[in-house]
Amino acid sequence: MKMSDMFPSKYLRAADIPAGREVPLTIASLDMTAIEGEDELKPCLYFRGAKKGLILNKTNGTILAEGFGDDTDRWPGRVVAVYATTTQFGGKMVPCVRLRIPAPQAAPALPVATAPSDPPFDVPAVNALLNDAAEADGLGSRF
């Protein structure tokens, strides 16, 4: 039996994320949540389709604010990559959840335009028509 099975959590933990993987999740909402044993409310991030929320610490909150702006009302609908790593806490290395803002998707490459071997119209003839029109307007030849 695993300890995580004996003491399940309703909040996302490093053990919930597959080792060595980033999981893309879409932010659904953020609210202030009462945590058992804590005096203050904590910000909790919820994701579309996920059963567990993520209690935001200062590090992850700062990552989101730098990537999406300070106004948390603008975060829903944004995608974040969630991954497990370790951090130093109380003199020990402990597992933690971290967020990363994915790089924007590159626009699909446009096909390279190539000059046709035969222009679709007779360029000298068109230029002659433009010159005639310019001279008729008293502007002189321009093309």
Protein backbone atom coordinates (compact mmCIF):
# COMPACT_ATOMS: atom_id res chain seq x y z
CA MET A 1 0.00 0.00 0.00
CA LYS A 2 1.16 3.54 -0.72
CA MET A 3 1.15 6.34 1.83
CA SER A 4 -0.61 8.54 -0.73
CA ASP A 5 -3.44 5.97 -0.81
CA MET A 6 -3.67 5.88 2.98
CA PHE A 7 -3.83 9.67 3.26
CA PRO A 8 -5.52 11.00 0.13
CA SER A 9 -5.57 14.73 -0.51
CA LYS A 10 -8.17 16.82 -2.28
CA TYR A 11 -5.32 19.06 -3.48
CA LEU A 12 -2.77 18.35 -6.18
CA ARG A 13 0.55 16.95 -4.92
CA ALA A 14 3.81 16.09 -6.65
CA ALA A 15 2.97 12.37 -6.28
CA ASP A 16 -0.14 12.90 -8.45
CA ILE A 17 1.92 13.91 -11.49
CA PRO A 18 3.62 11.24 -13.59
CA ALA A 19 7.38 11.28 -12.99
CA GLY A 20 9.37 13.19 -15.58
CA ARG A 21 6.28 14.58 -17.34
CA GLU A 22 4.65 17.96 -17.73
CA VAL A 23 0.88 17.91 -17.78
CA PRO A 24 -0.83 20.74 -19.69
CA LEU A 25 -3.90 21.95 -17.80
CA THR A 26 -6.35 24.75 -18.53
CA ILE A 27 -7.15 27.06 -15.64
CA ALA A 28 -10.85 27.02 -14.76
CA SER A 29 -10.91 29.31 -11.71
CA LEU A 30 -9.08 30.62 -8.68
CA ASP A 31 -10.58 31.16 -5.26
CA MET A 32 -9.54 31.65 -1.68
CA THR A 33 -9.89 28.37 0.24
CA ALA A 34 -9.85 27.45 3.91
CA ILE A 35 -7.20 24.79 4.53
CA GLU A 36 -7.53 22.51 7.55
CA GLY A 37 -5.07 23.55 10.24
CA GLU A 38 -4.38 26.96 8.65
CA ASP A 39 -5.58 30.29 10.03
CA GLU A 40 -5.54 32.17 6.72
CA LEU A 41 -7.34 31.48 3.45
CA LYS A 42 -5.06 30.26 0.67
CA PRO A 43 -5.41 30.80 -3.08
CA CYS A 44 -6.45 27.60 -4.84
CA LEU A 45 -6.25 27.12 -8.59
CA TYR A 46 -8.74 24.79 -10.25
CA PHE A 47 -8.33 23.21 -13.69
CA ARG A 48 -10.84 22.08 -16.31
CA GLY A 49 -11.49 18.37 -16.02
CA ALA A 50 -9.25 17.92 -12.96
CA LYS A 51 -10.61 16.62 -9.66
CA LYS A 52 -8.02 18.33 -7.49
CA GLY A 53 -7.14 21.98 -7.06
CA LEU A 54 -3.63 23.33 -6.55
CA ILE A 55 -2.92 25.46 -3.49
CA LEU A 56 -0.79 28.29 -4.85
CA ASN A 57 2.41 29.16 -3.09
CA LYS A 58 4.28 32.40 -3.72
CA THR A 59 6.59 30.79 -6.32
CA ASN A 60 3.77 29.39 -8.48
CA GLY A 61 1.67 32.52 -8.03
CA THR A 62 4.56 34.67 -9.22
CA ILE A 63 5.06 32.44 -12.27
CA LEU A 64 1.39 32.89 -13.21
CA ALA A 65 1.43 36.65 -12.60
CA GLU A 66 4.56 37.07 -14.74
CA GLY A 67 3.09 34.97 -17.54
CA PHE A 68 -0.56 36.04 -17.49
CA GLY A 69 -0.59 39.37 -15.66
CA ASP A 70 -1.43 40.42 -12.12
CA ASP A 71 -5.23 40.31 -12.60
CA THR A 72 -6.27 36.78 -11.64
CA ASP A 73 -9.66 37.28 -13.32
CA ARG A 74 -7.79 36.97 -16.63
CA TRP A 75 -6.23 33.60 -15.81
CA PRO A 76 -9.17 31.25 -16.55
CA GLY A 77 -8.83 29.69 -19.98
CA ARG A 78 -5.03 29.94 -19.93
CA VAL A 79 -2.94 26.78 -20.23
CA VAL A 80 -0.12 25.96 -17.83
CA ALA A 81 2.28 23.05 -17.73
CA VAL A 82 2.25 21.33 -14.33
CA TYR A 83 5.19 19.17 -13.28
CA ALA A 84 6.69 17.58 -10.18
CA THR A 85 10.15 18.49 -8.94
CA THR A 86 11.88 19.07 -5.61
CA THR A 87 12.69 22.13 -3.56
CA GLN A 88 14.52 22.85 -0.36
CA PHE A 89 12.23 23.32 2.63
CA GLY A 90 13.24 23.24 6.27
CA GLY A 91 16.75 22.13 5.38
CA LYS A 92 15.48 19.12 3.37
CA MET A 93 14.75 18.45 -0.27
CA VAL A 94 11.02 17.81 -0.60
CA PRO A 95 8.74 17.06 -3.55
CA CYS A 96 6.73 19.97 -4.94
CA VAL A 97 4.49 20.96 -7.82
CA ARG A 98 5.69 23.69 -10.17
CA LEU A 99 4.07 25.53 -13.05
CA ARG A 100 5.53 26.64 -16.33
CA ILE A 101 3.97 28.92 -18.91
CA PRO A 102 4.16 27.09 -22.25
CA ALA A 103 5.72 28.96 -25.15
CA PRO A 104 3.11 30.38 -27.54
CA GLN A 105 2.32 28.09 -30.43
CA ALA A 106 4.07 29.20 -33.59
CA ALA A 107 1.81 30.12 -36.45
CA PRO A 108 1.90 27.60 -39.26
CA ALA A 109 4.49 28.46 -41.87
CA LEU A 110 3.10 30.11 -44.94
CA PRO A 111 4.01 28.64 -48.29
CA VAL A 112 6.90 30.36 -49.97
CA ALA A 113 5.67 32.57 -52.76
CA THR A 114 7.38 31.96 -56.05
CA ALA A 115 7.33 34.21 -59.05
CA PRO A 116 5.47 32.62 -61.93
CA SER A 117 7.58 31.96 -64.97
CA ASP A 118 5.04 33.76 -67.16
CA PRO A 119 3.32 36.80 -65.64
CA PRO A 120 -0.48 36.60 -65.78
CA PHE A 121 -0.53 39.79 -67.82
CA ASP A 122 1.71 41.63 -70.25
CA VAL A 123 3.71 43.98 -67.98
CA PRO A 124 4.98 46.29 -70.79
CA ALA A 125 1.45 46.65 -72.15
CA VAL A 126 0.04 47.53 -68.72
CA ASN A 127 2.86 50.04 -68.12
CA ALA A 128 2.12 51.66 -71.49
CA LEU A 129 -1.56 52.03 -70.54
CA LEU A 130 -0.60 53.58 -67.18
CA ASN A 131 1.83 55.97 -68.91
CA ASP A 132 -0.85 57.03 -71.40
CA ALA A 133 -3.31 57.68 -68.57
CA ALA A 134 -0.70 59.67 -66.59
CA GLU A 135 0.17 61.79 -69.63
CA ALA A 136 -3.53 62.42 -70.30
CA ASP A 137 -3.85 63.70 -66.72
CA GLY A 138 -0.85 65.96 -67.29
CA LEU A 139 1.30 63.99 -64.83
CA GLY A 140 3.87 62.78 -67.32
CA SER A 141 5.19 59.30 -67.74
CA ARG A 142 5.76 57.42 -64.48
CA PHE A 143 5.93 53.73 -65.39
